[in-house]
C-alpha cells in the first residue's frame, strides 16, 4: 500500500521502523532530532523548530540508508499524518 504525502510515495509494506521526532536548533550545526517526550520536558530550554516523521526501509540492525523524513511545522500536522499512516497500516493488518 502506497502512502502519498506531498511529492513522496512511501510503500508502507516495506517499513521497518517508523517514528516521530522533534527538531531542535543546535547552535552552529544542523537541527537535531530528539524524542517528542524530551522536547516537551525541555520546552523552556530549547528552540523547537519543527517536527519530523521518519520512515526507515532498511533491515533491522543495518544503518538507515533508505530513510524518508516528512517535515512539519506544527505538532498538529505531525499528529494528523501519523493518524493517516496508522489508519492505512491498520487496514493492511486487517487485510492479511
PDB file of N, CA and C in Angstrom:
ATOM      1  N   UNK A   1       0.854  -1.180   0.000  1.00  0.00           N
ATOM      2  CA  UNK A   1       0.000   0.000   0.000  1.00  0.00           C
ATOM      3  C   UNK A   1       0.894   1.235   0.000  1.00  0.00           C
ATOM      4  N   UNK A   2       0.591   2.137  -0.883  1.00  0.00           N
ATOM      5  CA  UNK A   2       1.391   3.352  -1.031  1.00  0.00           C
ATOM      6  C   UNK A   2       0.726   4.498  -0.276  1.00  0.00           C
ATOM      7  N   UNK A   3       1.516   5.155   0.562  1.00  0.00           N
ATOM      8  CA  UNK A   3       1.078   6.360   1.258  1.00  0.00           C
ATOM      9  C   UNK A   3       1.750   7.534   0.554  1.00  0.00           C
ATOM     10  N   UNK A   4       0.938   8.498   0.138  1.00  0.00           N
ATOM     11  CA  UNK A   4       1.462   9.656  -0.573  1.00  0.00           C
ATOM     12  C   UNK A   4       1.327  10.895   0.286  1.00  0.00           C
ATOM     13  N   UNK A   5       2.429  11.619   0.394  1.00  0.00           N
ATOM     14  CA  UNK A   5       2.438  12.897   1.108  1.00  0.00           C
ATOM     15  C   UNK A   5       3.292  13.860   0.305  1.00  0.00           C
ATOM     16  N   UNK A   6       2.670  14.955  -0.104  1.00  0.00           N
ATOM     17  CA  UNK A   6       3.332  15.928  -0.975  1.00  0.00           C
ATOM     18  C   UNK A   6       3.911  15.195  -2.179  1.00  0.00           C
ATOM     19  N   UNK A   7       5.207  15.227  -2.400  1.00  0.00           N
ATOM     20  CA  UNK A   7       5.791  14.588  -3.579  1.00  0.00           C
ATOM     21  C   UNK A   7       6.406  13.220  -3.285  1.00  0.00           C
ATOM     22  N   UNK A   8       6.101  12.650  -2.115  1.00  0.00           N
ATOM     23  CA  UNK A   8       6.710  11.381  -1.723  1.00  0.00           C
ATOM     24  C   UNK A   8       5.666  10.263  -1.747  1.00  0.00           C
ATOM     25  N   UNK A   9       6.052   9.125  -2.323  1.00  0.00           N
ATOM     26  CA  UNK A   9       5.223   7.925  -2.333  1.00  0.00           C
ATOM     27  C   UNK A   9       5.950   6.861  -1.522  1.00  0.00           C
ATOM     28  N   UNK A  10       5.353   6.442  -0.415  1.00  0.00           N
ATOM     29  CA  UNK A  10       6.008   5.522   0.507  1.00  0.00           C
ATOM     30  C   UNK A  10       5.251   4.202   0.557  1.00  0.00           C
ATOM     31  N   UNK A  11       5.968   3.096   0.321  1.00  0.00           N
ATOM     32  CA  UNK A  11       5.360   1.774   0.374  1.00  0.00           C
ATOM     33  C   UNK A  11       5.316   1.322   1.831  1.00  0.00           C
ATOM     34  N   UNK A  12       4.140   1.374   2.429  1.00  0.00           N
ATOM     35  CA  UNK A  12       4.001   1.047   3.850  1.00  0.00           C
ATOM     36  C   UNK A  12       4.279  -0.418   4.151  1.00  0.00           C
ATOM     37  N   UNK A  13       4.222  -1.285   3.144  1.00  0.00           N
ATOM     38  CA  UNK A  13       4.502  -2.702   3.379  1.00  0.00           C
ATOM     39  C   UNK A  13       5.990  -2.958   3.602  1.00  0.00           C
ATOM     40  N   UNK A  14       6.835  -1.975   3.286  1.00  0.00           N
ATOM     41  CA  UNK A  14       8.289  -2.164   3.389  1.00  0.00           C
ATOM     42  C   UNK A  14       8.930  -1.413   4.554  1.00  0.00           C
ATOM     43  N   UNK A  15       8.123  -0.776   5.392  1.00  0.00           N
ATOM     44  CA  UNK A  15       8.670  -0.028   6.534  1.00  0.00           C
ATOM     45  C   UNK A  15       9.230  -0.990   7.573  1.00  0.00           C
ATOM     46  N   UNK A  16      10.425  -0.687   8.054  1.00  0.00           N
ATOM     47  CA  UNK A  16      10.999  -1.475   9.149  1.00  0.00           C
ATOM     48  C   UNK A  16      10.989  -0.701  10.467  1.00  0.00           C
ATOM     49  N   UNK A  17      11.006   0.616  10.383  1.00  0.00           N
ATOM     50  CA  UNK A  17      10.914   1.472  11.576  1.00  0.00           C
ATOM     51  C   UNK A  17      10.144   2.724  11.177  1.00  0.00           C
ATOM     52  N   UNK A  18       9.316   3.180  12.089  1.00  0.00           N
ATOM     53  CA  UNK A  18       8.521   4.384  11.866  1.00  0.00           C
ATOM     54  C   UNK A  18       8.417   5.105  13.198  1.00  0.00           C
ATOM     55  N   UNK A  19       8.866   6.365  13.232  1.00  0.00           N
ATOM     56  CA  UNK A  19       8.801   7.086  14.500  1.00  0.00           C
ATOM     57  C   UNK A  19       8.810   8.594  14.286  1.00  0.00           C
ATOM     58  N   UNK A  20       8.176   9.315  15.211  1.00  0.00           N
ATOM     59  CA  UNK A  20       8.184  10.777  15.154  1.00  0.00           C
ATOM     60  C   UNK A  20       9.334  11.333  15.969  1.00  0.00           C
ATOM     61  N   UNK A  21       9.694  12.579  15.673  1.00  0.00           N
ATOM     62  CA  UNK A  21      10.728  13.273  16.446  1.00  0.00           C
ATOM     63  C   UNK A  21      10.465  14.768  16.375  1.00  0.00           C
ATOM     64  N   UNK A  22      11.038  15.470  17.332  1.00  0.00           N
ATOM     65  CA  UNK A  22      11.014  16.930  17.315  1.00  0.00           C
ATOM     66  C   UNK A  22      12.352  17.405  16.752  1.00  0.00           C
ATOM     67  N   UNK A  23      12.327  18.524  16.076  1.00  0.00           N
ATOM     68  CA  UNK A  23      13.560  19.131  15.553  1.00  0.00           C
ATOM     69  C   UNK A  23      13.899  20.334  16.425  1.00  0.00           C
ATOM     70  N   UNK A  24      15.109  20.326  16.954  1.00  0.00           N
ATOM     71  CA  UNK A  24      15.533  21.431  17.809  1.00  0.00           C
ATOM     72  C   UNK A  24      16.771  22.090  17.216  1.00  0.00           C
ATOM     73  N   UNK A  25      16.864  23.371  17.451  1.00  0.00           N
ATOM     74  CA  UNK A  25      18.006  24.143  16.972  1.00  0.00           C
ATOM     75  C   UNK A  25      19.241  23.829  17.801  1.00  0.00           C
ATOM     76  N   UNK A  26      20.354  23.636  17.103  1.00  0.00           N
ATOM     77  CA  UNK A  26      21.649  23.432  17.744  1.00  0.00           C
ATOM     78  C   UNK A  26      22.564  24.516  17.184  1.00  0.00           C
ATOM     79  N   UNK A  27      23.105  25.388  18.037  1.00  0.00           N
ATOM     80  CA  UNK A  27      23.953  26.481  17.540  1.00  0.00           C
ATOM     81  C   UNK A  27      25.089  25.976  16.661  1.00  0.00           C
ATOM     82  N   UNK A  28      25.250  26.610  15.501  1.00  0.00           N
ATOM     83  CA  UNK A  28      26.328  26.332  14.548  1.00  0.00           C
ATOM     84  C   UNK A  28      26.310  24.922  13.967  1.00  0.00           C
ATOM     85  N   UNK A  29      25.154  24.229  14.036  1.00  0.00           N
ATOM     86  CA  UNK A  29      25.048  22.885  13.475  1.00  0.00           C
ATOM     87  C   UNK A  29      23.673  22.708  12.845  1.00  0.00           C
ATOM     88  N   UNK A  30      23.488  21.568  12.184  1.00  0.00           N
ATOM     89  CA  UNK A  30      22.178  21.223  11.649  1.00  0.00           C
ATOM     90  C   UNK A  30      21.224  20.949  12.808  1.00  0.00           C
ATOM     91  N   UNK A  31      19.926  21.080  12.578  1.00  0.00           N
ATOM     92  CA  UNK A  31      18.964  20.760  13.640  1.00  0.00           C
ATOM     93  C   UNK A  31      19.130  19.313  14.104  1.00  0.00           C
ATOM     94  N   UNK A  32      18.851  19.085  15.365  1.00  0.00           N
ATOM     95  CA  UNK A  32      18.935  17.739  15.936  1.00  0.00           C
ATOM     96  C   UNK A  32      17.536  17.161  16.083  1.00  0.00           C
ATOM     97  N   UNK A  33      17.432  15.851  15.890  1.00  0.00           N
ATOM     98  CA  UNK A  33      16.172  15.148  16.109  1.00  0.00           C
ATOM     99  C   UNK A  33      16.190  14.583  17.521  1.00  0.00           C
ATOM    100  N   UNK A  34      15.146  14.884  18.275  1.00  0.00           N
ATOM    101  CA  UNK A  34      15.032  14.383  19.640  1.00  0.00           C
ATOM    102  C   UNK A  34      13.633  13.808  19.817  1.00  0.00           C
ATOM    103  N   UNK A  35      13.462  13.012  20.841  1.00  0.00           N
ATOM    104  CA  UNK A  35      12.142  12.427  21.089  1.00  0.00           C
ATOM    105  C   UNK A  35      11.140  13.519  21.439  1.00  0.00           C
ATOM    106  N   UNK A  36       9.891  13.260  21.124  1.00  0.00           N
ATOM    107  CA  UNK A  36       8.837  14.218  21.457  1.00  0.00           C
ATOM    108  C   UNK A  36       8.760  14.431  22.965  1.00  0.00           C
ATOM    109  N   UNK A  37       8.950  13.365  23.718  1.00  0.00           N
ATOM    110  CA  UNK A  37       8.892  13.459  25.180  1.00  0.00           C
ATOM    111  C   UNK A  37       9.996  14.365  25.728  1.00  0.00           C
ATOM    112  N   UNK A  38      11.209  14.187  25.208  1.00  0.00           N
ATOM    113  CA  UNK A  38      12.329  15.002  25.651  1.00  0.00           C
ATOM    114  C   UNK A  38      12.073  16.467  25.314  1.00  0.00           C
ATOM    115  N   UNK A  39      11.564  16.719  24.111  1.00  0.00           N
ATOM    116  CA  UNK A  39      11.284  18.096  23.689  1.00  0.00           C
ATOM    117  C   UNK A  39      10.241  18.739  24.610  1.00  0.00           C
ATOM    118  N   UNK A  40       9.242  17.977  25.022  1.00  0.00           N
ATOM    119  CA  UNK A  40       8.233  18.510  25.936  1.00  0.00           C
ATOM    120  C   UNK A  40       8.830  18.808  27.305  1.00  0.00           C
ATOM    121  N   UNK A  41       9.688  17.906  27.783  1.00  0.00           N
ATOM    122  CA  UNK A  41      10.314  18.101  29.096  1.00  0.00           C
ATOM    123  C   UNK A  41      11.241  19.320  29.119  1.00  0.00           C
ATOM    124  N   UNK A  42      11.913  19.572  28.009  1.00  0.00           N
ATOM    125  CA  UNK A  42      12.902  20.651  27.928  1.00  0.00           C
ATOM    126  C   UNK A  42      12.382  21.873  27.179  1.00  0.00           C
ATOM    127  N   UNK A  43      11.089  21.980  27.009  1.00  0.00           N
ATOM    128  CA  UNK A  43      10.487  23.034  26.184  1.00  0.00           C
ATOM    129  C   UNK A  43      10.969  24.434  26.550  1.00  0.00           C
ATOM    130  N   UNK A  44      11.221  24.674  27.834  1.00  0.00           N
ATOM    131  CA  UNK A  44      11.651  26.005  28.259  1.00  0.00           C
ATOM    132  C   UNK A  44      13.144  26.256  28.029  1.00  0.00           C
ATOM    133  N   UNK A  45      13.891  25.211  27.625  1.00  0.00           N
ATOM    134  CA  UNK A  45      15.338  25.347  27.451  1.00  0.00           C
ATOM    135  C   UNK A  45      15.813  25.150  26.017  1.00  0.00           C
ATOM    136  N   UNK A  46      14.894  24.783  25.120  1.00  0.00           N
ATOM    137  CA  UNK A  46      15.284  24.505  23.742  1.00  0.00           C
ATOM    138  C   UNK A  46      14.544  25.428  22.779  1.00  0.00           C
ATOM    139  N   UNK A  47      15.044  25.486  21.553  1.00  0.00           N
ATOM    140  CA  UNK A  47      14.353  26.207  20.489  1.00  0.00           C
ATOM    141  C   UNK A  47      13.807  25.164  19.529  1.00  0.00           C
ATOM    142  N   UNK A  48      12.525  24.848  19.666  1.00  0.00           N
ATOM    143  CA  UNK A  48      11.851  23.869  18.832  1.00  0.00           C
ATOM    144  C   UNK A  48      11.579  24.497  17.477  1.00  0.00           C
ATOM    145  N   UNK A  49      12.022  23.829  16.397  1.00  0.00           N
ATOM    146  CA  UNK A  49      11.846  24.425  15.072  1.00  0.00           C
ATOM    147  C   UNK A  49      10.921  23.611  14.178  1.00  0.00           C
ATOM    148  N   UNK A  50      10.460  22.469  14.634  1.00  0.00           N
ATOM    149  CA  UNK A  50       9.534  21.676  13.834  1.00  0.00           C
ATOM    150  C   UNK A  50       9.475  20.240  14.294  1.00  0.00           C
ATOM    151  N   UNK A  51       8.859  19.439  13.433  1.00  0.00           N
ATOM    152  CA  UNK A  51       8.662  18.018  13.734  1.00  0.00           C
ATOM    153  C   UNK A  51       8.972  17.206  12.486  1.00  0.00           C
ATOM    154  N   UNK A  52       9.234  15.926  12.695  1.00  0.00           N
ATOM    155  CA  UNK A  52       9.543  15.044  11.580  1.00  0.00           C
ATOM    156  C   UNK A  52       8.945  13.665  11.864  1.00  0.00           C
ATOM    157  N   UNK A  53       8.468  13.011  10.811  1.00  0.00           N
ATOM    158  CA  UNK A  53       8.035  11.620  10.890  1.00  0.00           C
ATOM    159  C   UNK A  53       9.009  10.839  10.026  1.00  0.00           C
ATOM    160  N   UNK A  54       9.679   9.860  10.632  1.00  0.00           N
ATOM    161  CA  UNK A  54      10.776   9.149   9.983  1.00  0.00           C
ATOM    162  C   UNK A  54      10.333   7.742   9.587  1.00  0.00           C
ATOM    163  N   UNK A  55      10.542   7.432   8.316  1.00  0.00           N
ATOM    164  CA  UNK A  55      10.244   6.118   7.764  1.00  0.00           C
ATOM    165  C   UNK A  55      11.571   5.474   7.378  1.00  0.00           C
ATOM    166  N   UNK A  56      11.908   4.344   7.999  1.00  0.00           N
ATOM    167  CA  UNK A  56      13.104   3.591   7.625  1.00  0.00           C
ATOM    168  C   UNK A  56      12.671   2.358   6.853  1.00  0.00           C
ATOM    169  N   UNK A  57      13.446   2.025   5.812  1.00  0.00           N
ATOM    170  CA  UNK A  57      13.133   0.886   4.966  1.00  0.00           C
ATOM    171  C   UNK A  57      14.257  -0.154   4.945  1.00  0.00           C
ATOM    172  N   UNK A  58      15.272   0.026   5.768  1.00  0.00           N
ATOM    173  CA  UNK A  58      16.396  -0.909   5.817  1.00  0.00           C
ATOM    174  C   UNK A  58      16.101  -2.016   6.827  1.00  0.00           C
ATOM    175  N   UNK A  59      16.703  -3.203   6.612  1.00  0.00           N
ATOM    176  CA  UNK A  59      16.516  -4.277   7.588  1.00  0.00           C
ATOM    177  C   UNK A  59      16.978  -3.847   8.980  1.00  0.00           C
ATOM    178  N   UNK A  60      16.303  -4.364   9.987  1.00  0.00           N
ATOM    179  CA  UNK A  60      16.669  -4.049  11.369  1.00  0.00           C
ATOM    180  C   UNK A  60      18.131  -4.427  11.599  1.00  0.00           C
ATOM    181  N   UNK A  61      18.831  -3.595  12.331  1.00  0.00           N
ATOM    182  CA  UNK A  61      20.230  -3.836  12.640  1.00  0.00           C
ATOM    183  C   UNK A  61      21.204  -3.239  11.635  1.00  0.00           C
ATOM    184  N   UNK A  62      20.695  -2.779  10.493  1.00  0.00           N
ATOM    185  CA  UNK A  62      21.562  -2.153   9.499  1.00  0.00           C
ATOM    186  C   UNK A  62      21.423  -0.639   9.588  1.00  0.00           C
ATOM    187  N   UNK A  63      22.464   0.078   9.174  1.00  0.00           N
ATOM    188  CA  UNK A  63      22.384   1.547   9.198  1.00  0.00           C
ATOM    189  C   UNK A  63      21.224   2.033   8.310  1.00  0.00           C
ATOM    190  N   UNK A  64      20.560   3.086   8.729  1.00  0.00           N
ATOM    191  CA  UNK A  64      19.419   3.604   7.950  1.00  0.00           C
ATOM    192  C   UNK A  64      19.873   4.389   6.718  1.00  0.00           C
ATOM    193  N   UNK A  65      19.979   3.698   5.602  1.00  0.00           N
ATOM    194  CA  UNK A  65      20.382   4.321   4.350  1.00  0.00           C
ATOM    195  C   UNK A  65      19.147   4.753   3.550  1.00  0.00           C
ATOM    196  N   UNK A  66      18.115   3.934   3.607  1.00  0.00           N
ATOM    197  CA  UNK A  66      16.878   4.195   2.868  1.00  0.00           C
ATOM    198  C   UNK A  66      15.844   4.802   3.803  1.00  0.00           C
ATOM    199  N   UNK A  67      16.058   6.032   4.158  1.00  0.00           N
ATOM    200  CA  UNK A  67      15.212   6.737   5.128  1.00  0.00           C
ATOM    201  C   UNK A  67      14.512   7.891   4.417  1.00  0.00           C
ATOM    202  N   UNK A  68      13.241   8.058   4.778  1.00  0.00           N
ATOM    203  CA  UNK A  68      12.475   9.196   4.270  1.00  0.00           C
ATOM    204  C   UNK A  68      11.957   9.953   5.481  1.00  0.00           C
ATOM    205  N   UNK A  69      12.114  11.272   5.453  1.00  0.00           N
ATOM    206  CA  UNK A  69      11.650  12.116   6.549  1.00  0.00           C
ATOM    207  C   UNK A  69      10.613  13.093   6.019  1.00  0.00           C
ATOM    208  N   UNK A  70       9.472  13.122   6.685  1.00  0.00           N
ATOM    209  CA  UNK A  70       8.447  14.111   6.370  1.00  0.00           C
ATOM    210  C   UNK A  70       8.520  15.186   7.445  1.00  0.00           C
ATOM    211  N   UNK A  71       8.663  16.435   7.030  1.00  0.00           N
ATOM    212  CA  UNK A  71       8.816  17.536   7.985  1.00  0.00           C
ATOM    213  C   UNK A  71       7.529  18.326   8.124  1.00  0.00           C
ATOM    214  N   UNK A  72       7.286  18.806   9.356  1.00  0.00           N
ATOM    215  CA  UNK A  72       6.068  19.539   9.683  1.00  0.00           C
ATOM    216  C   UNK A  72       6.407  20.745  10.542  1.00  0.00           C
ATOM    217  N   UNK A  73       5.619  21.786  10.388  1.00  0.00           N
ATOM    218  CA  UNK A  73       5.802  22.990  11.200  1.00  0.00           C
ATOM    219  C   UNK A  73       5.164  22.864  12.574  1.00  0.00           C
ATOM    220  N   UNK A  74       4.073  22.105  12.659  1.00  0.00           N
ATOM    221  CA  UNK A  74       3.334  22.028  13.931  1.00  0.00           C
ATOM    222  C   UNK A  74       3.126  20.580  14.369  1.00  0.00           C
ATOM    223  N   UNK A  75       2.875  20.412  15.642  1.00  0.00           N
ATOM    224  CA  UNK A  75       2.568  19.090  16.201  1.00  0.00           C
ATOM    225  C   UNK A  75       1.241  18.580  15.647  1.00  0.00           C
ATOM    226  N   UNK A  76       0.308  19.491  15.400  1.00  0.00           N
ATOM    227  CA  UNK A  76      -0.993  19.095  14.857  1.00  0.00           C
ATOM    228  C   UNK A  76      -0.833  18.475  13.471  1.00  0.00           C
ATOM    229  N   UNK A  77       0.031  19.059  12.638  1.00  0.00           N
ATOM    230  CA  UNK A  77       0.283  18.492  11.307  1.00  0.00           C
ATOM    231  C   UNK A  77       0.896  17.097  11.429  1.00  0.00           C
ATOM    232  N   UNK A  78       1.880  16.971  12.310  1.00  0.00           N
ATOM    233  CA  UNK A  78       2.520  15.674  12.548  1.00  0.00           C
ATOM    234  C   UNK A  78       1.486  14.651  12.991  1.00  0.00           C
ATOM    235  N   UNK A  79       0.690  15.001  13.991  1.00  0.00           N
ATOM    236  CA  UNK A  79      -0.310  14.071  14.522  1.00  0.00           C
ATOM    237  C   UNK A  79      -1.316  13.656  13.463  1.00  0.00           C
ATOM    238  N   UNK A  80      -1.693  14.577  12.597  1.00  0.00           N
ATOM    239  CA  UNK A  80      -2.644  14.276  11.532  1.00  0.00           C
ATOM    240  C   UNK A  80      -2.079  13.231  10.571  1.00  0.00           C
ATOM    241  N   UNK A  81      -0.828  13.385  10.182  1.00  0.00           N
ATOM    242  CA  UNK A  81      -0.215  12.424   9.267  1.00  0.00           C
ATOM    243  C   UNK A  81       0.017  11.086   9.967  1.00  0.00           C
ATOM    244  N   UNK A  82       0.400  11.111  11.231  1.00  0.00           N
ATOM    245  CA  UNK A  82       0.552   9.860  11.986  1.00  0.00           C
ATOM    246  C   UNK A  82      -0.781   9.106  11.984  1.00  0.00           C
ATOM    247  N   UNK A  83      -1.876   9.815  12.184  1.00  0.00           N
ATOM    248  CA  UNK A  83      -3.192   9.188  12.191  1.00  0.00           C
ATOM    249  C   UNK A  83      -3.496   8.560  10.825  1.00  0.00           C
ATOM    250  N   UNK A  84      -3.198   9.278   9.744  1.00  0.00           N
ATOM    251  CA  UNK A  84      -3.428   8.746   8.393  1.00  0.00           C
ATOM    252  C   UNK A  84      -2.623   7.473   8.154  1.00  0.00           C
ATOM    253  N   UNK A  85      -1.348   7.499   8.520  1.00  0.00           N
ATOM    254  CA  UNK A  85      -0.488   6.331   8.334  1.00  0.00           C
ATOM    255  C   UNK A  85      -0.999   5.171   9.191  1.00  0.00           C
ATOM    256  N   UNK A  86      -1.382   5.453  10.413  1.00  0.00           N
ATOM    257  CA  UNK A  86      -1.892   4.406  11.309  1.00  0.00           C
ATOM    258  C   UNK A  86      -3.141   3.753  10.729  1.00  0.00           C
ATOM    259  N   UNK A  87      -4.023   4.552  10.150  1.00  0.00           N
ATOM    260  CA  UNK A  87      -5.243   4.005   9.544  1.00  0.00           C
ATOM    261  C   UNK A  87      -4.890   3.069   8.393  1.00  0.00           C
ATOM    262  N   UNK A  88      -3.933   3.450   7.569  1.00  0.00           N
ATOM    263  CA  UNK A  88      -3.543   2.603   6.451  1.00  0.00           C
ATOM    264  C   UNK A  88      -2.835   1.335   6.919  1.00  0.00           C
ATOM    265  N   UNK A  89      -2.001   1.455   7.951  1.00  0.00           N
ATOM    266  CA  UNK A  89      -1.332   0.273   8.498  1.00  0.00           C
ATOM    267  C   UNK A  89      -2.348  -0.672   9.127  1.00  0.00           C
ATOM    268  N   UNK A  90      -3.347  -0.126   9.787  1.00  0.00           N
ATOM    269  CA  UNK A  90      -4.412  -0.943  10.381  1.00  0.00           C
ATOM    270  C   UNK A  90      -5.161  -1.693   9.289  1.00  0.00           C
ATOM    271  N   UNK A  91      -5.436  -1.017   8.184  1.00  0.00           N
ATOM    272  CA  UNK A  91      -6.109  -1.642   7.056  1.00  0.00           C
ATOM    273  C   UNK A  91      -5.258  -2.787   6.500  1.00  0.00           C
ATOM    274  N   UNK A  92      -3.940  -2.541   6.364  1.00  0.00           N
ATOM    275  CA  UNK A  92      -3.042  -3.581   5.871  1.00  0.00           C
ATOM    276  C   UNK A  92      -3.058  -4.809   6.781  1.00  0.00           C
ATOM    277  N   UNK A  93      -3.037  -4.570   8.075  1.00  0.00           N
ATOM    278  CA  UNK A  93      -3.019  -5.671   9.043  1.00  0.00           C
ATOM    279  C   UNK A  93      -4.307  -6.475   8.957  1.00  0.00           C
ATOM    280  N   UNK A  94      -5.439  -5.805   8.830  1.00  0.00           N
ATOM    281  CA  UNK A  94      -6.725  -6.490   8.738  1.00  0.00           C
ATOM    282  C   UNK A  94      -6.821  -7.295   7.441  1.00  0.00           C
ATOM    283  N   UNK A  95      -6.185  -6.794   6.413  1.00  0.00           N
ATOM    284  CA  UNK A  95      -6.219  -7.437   5.111  1.00  0.00           C
ATOM    285  C   UNK A  95      -5.428  -8.751   5.120  1.00  0.00           C
ATOM    286  N   UNK A  96      -4.388  -8.803   5.926  1.00  0.00           N
ATOM    287  CA  UNK A  96      -3.535 -10.006   5.978  1.00  0.00           C
ATOM    288  C   UNK A  96      -4.065 -10.911   6.993  1.00  0.00           C
TER     289      UNK A  96
END
